[in-house]
Amino acid sequence: MLRIVLLQLAATVAAGCVAGLIGGVHAFVSAILGGLCCVVPNGLFALRLFIGAQKPGGANPMTFFIGEFMKIALTIAFLGAVATLYRDLNWLALIAAFIVALKSYIILLFRH
């Protein structure tokens, strides 16, 4: 789980650097924020699953479903907060970095 979250973070930084080179500082910040809207909820979800698995009796299926609901709600809340609070938002950079971070786990599938 940690490897996936770290890979998403690395993909976010890479997407931010590309966006910054193409679109400037505001595109860089927008891309980083877009990627973090995916990475932070996924990291919290992974932490919740890890803690649930360490409890006596193992993981509970409800832990997964509640965690997944919280992840989706946090992602929507973060995207809304970024759209509201960051006035110089570059939507293309934000959405592109979000998608890159969201789909970066595919790299791990082809690694072996």
Protein backbone atom coordinates (compact mmCIF):
# COMPACT_ATOMS: atom_id res chain seq x y z
CA MET A 1 0.00 0.00 0.00
CA LEU A 2 2.81 2.37 0.88
CA ARG A 3 4.51 1.76 -2.47
CA ILE A 4 1.38 2.74 -4.35
CA VAL A 5 0.95 5.95 -2.36
CA LEU A 6 4.63 6.83 -2.82
CA LEU A 7 4.36 6.12 -6.54
CA GLN A 8 1.32 8.38 -6.74
CA LEU A 9 3.27 11.09 -4.95
CA ALA A 10 6.20 10.72 -7.36
CA ALA A 11 3.82 10.83 -10.33
CA THR A 12 2.27 13.99 -8.90
CA VAL A 13 5.66 15.67 -8.61
CA ALA A 14 6.57 14.61 -12.16
CA ALA A 15 3.25 15.88 -13.54
CA GLY A 16 3.76 19.12 -11.61
CA CYS A 17 7.21 19.61 -13.10
CA VAL A 18 5.93 18.99 -16.63
CA ALA A 19 3.00 21.35 -16.08
CA GLY A 20 5.35 23.95 -14.63
CA LEU A 21 7.63 23.77 -17.65
CA ILE A 22 4.70 24.10 -20.04
CA GLY A 23 2.39 26.49 -18.19
CA GLY A 24 4.42 28.29 -15.54
CA VAL A 25 4.13 28.57 -11.79
CA HIS A 26 0.34 28.53 -11.58
CA ALA A 27 0.17 25.35 -13.66
CA PHE A 28 2.82 23.77 -11.40
CA VAL A 29 0.88 24.62 -8.24
CA SER A 30 -2.40 23.51 -9.81
CA ALA A 31 -0.89 20.18 -10.85
CA ILE A 32 0.61 19.56 -7.41
CA LEU A 33 -2.71 20.38 -5.76
CA GLY A 34 -4.58 18.16 -8.22
CA GLY A 35 -2.29 15.24 -7.53
CA LEU A 36 -2.50 15.76 -3.79
CA CYS A 37 -6.29 15.62 -4.05
CA CYS A 38 -5.76 11.99 -5.02
CA VAL A 39 -2.68 11.10 -2.95
CA VAL A 40 -3.79 12.35 0.47
CA PRO A 41 -7.15 10.49 0.59
CA ASN A 42 -5.48 7.33 -0.75
CA GLY A 43 -2.77 7.59 1.91
CA LEU A 44 -5.34 7.99 4.66
CA PHE A 45 -7.31 5.05 3.26
CA ALA A 46 -4.18 2.88 3.20
CA LEU A 47 -3.38 3.90 6.78
CA ARG A 48 -6.91 3.04 7.87
CA LEU A 49 -6.68 -0.39 6.23
CA PHE A 50 -3.26 -1.02 7.78
CA ILE A 51 -4.48 -0.12 11.25
CA GLY A 52 -7.60 -2.26 10.76
CA ALA A 53 -5.49 -5.24 9.72
CA GLN A 54 -3.35 -4.94 12.86
CA LYS A 55 -6.33 -5.29 15.19
CA PRO A 56 -7.08 -8.65 16.76
CA GLY A 57 -9.36 -10.60 14.45
CA GLY A 58 -7.97 -9.04 11.28
CA ALA A 59 -9.58 -6.71 8.84
CA ASN A 60 -13.30 -6.12 8.86
CA PRO A 61 -15.08 -5.69 5.49
CA MET A 62 -16.88 -2.65 6.88
CA THR A 63 -13.49 -1.01 7.46
CA PHE A 64 -12.92 -1.18 3.73
CA PHE A 65 -16.34 0.20 2.76
CA ILE A 66 -16.28 3.02 5.30
CA GLY A 67 -12.71 3.87 4.31
CA GLU A 68 -13.61 3.90 0.61
CA PHE A 69 -16.56 6.20 1.28
CA MET A 70 -14.34 8.53 3.30
CA LYS A 71 -11.73 8.50 0.53
CA ILE A 72 -14.27 9.53 -2.10
CA ALA A 73 -15.76 12.20 0.16
CA LEU A 74 -12.31 13.62 0.98
CA THR A 75 -11.32 13.66 -2.68
CA ILE A 76 -14.45 15.62 -3.61
CA ALA A 77 -13.95 17.96 -0.65
CA PHE A 78 -10.30 18.61 -1.54
CA LEU A 79 -11.13 19.27 -5.20
CA GLY A 80 -13.88 21.65 -4.12
CA ALA A 81 -11.59 23.44 -1.69
CA VAL A 82 -8.86 23.84 -4.30
CA ALA A 83 -11.35 25.15 -6.87
CA THR A 84 -12.72 27.63 -4.34
CA LEU A 85 -9.56 28.80 -2.61
CA TYR A 86 -6.90 28.89 -5.34
CA ARG A 87 -7.80 31.82 -7.58
CA ASP A 88 -5.10 31.24 -10.25
CA LEU A 89 -6.15 27.65 -10.84
CA ASN A 90 -5.15 26.03 -14.12
CA TRP A 91 -7.90 23.45 -14.64
CA LEU A 92 -6.06 21.49 -17.31
CA ALA A 93 -3.00 21.02 -15.08
CA LEU A 94 -5.16 20.09 -12.08
CA ILE A 95 -7.21 17.48 -13.93
CA ALA A 96 -4.18 16.07 -15.79
CA ALA A 97 -2.16 15.62 -12.60
CA PHE A 98 -5.18 14.14 -10.82
CA ILE A 99 -5.59 11.54 -13.57
CA VAL A 100 -1.84 10.81 -13.65
CA ALA A 101 -1.80 10.23 -9.88
CA LEU A 102 -5.01 8.21 -10.03
CA LYS A 103 -3.72 5.87 -12.75
CA SER A 104 -0.06 5.68 -11.71
CA TYR A 105 -0.56 2.29 -10.04
CA ILE A 106 -0.66 0.78 -13.53
CA ILE A 107 3.13 1.21 -13.61
CA LEU A 108 3.42 -1.28 -10.75
CA LEU A 109 1.37 -3.83 -12.68
CA PHE A 110 3.96 -3.98 -15.45
CA ARG A 111 6.99 -3.92 -13.18
CA HIS A 112 7.17 -7.71 -12.67
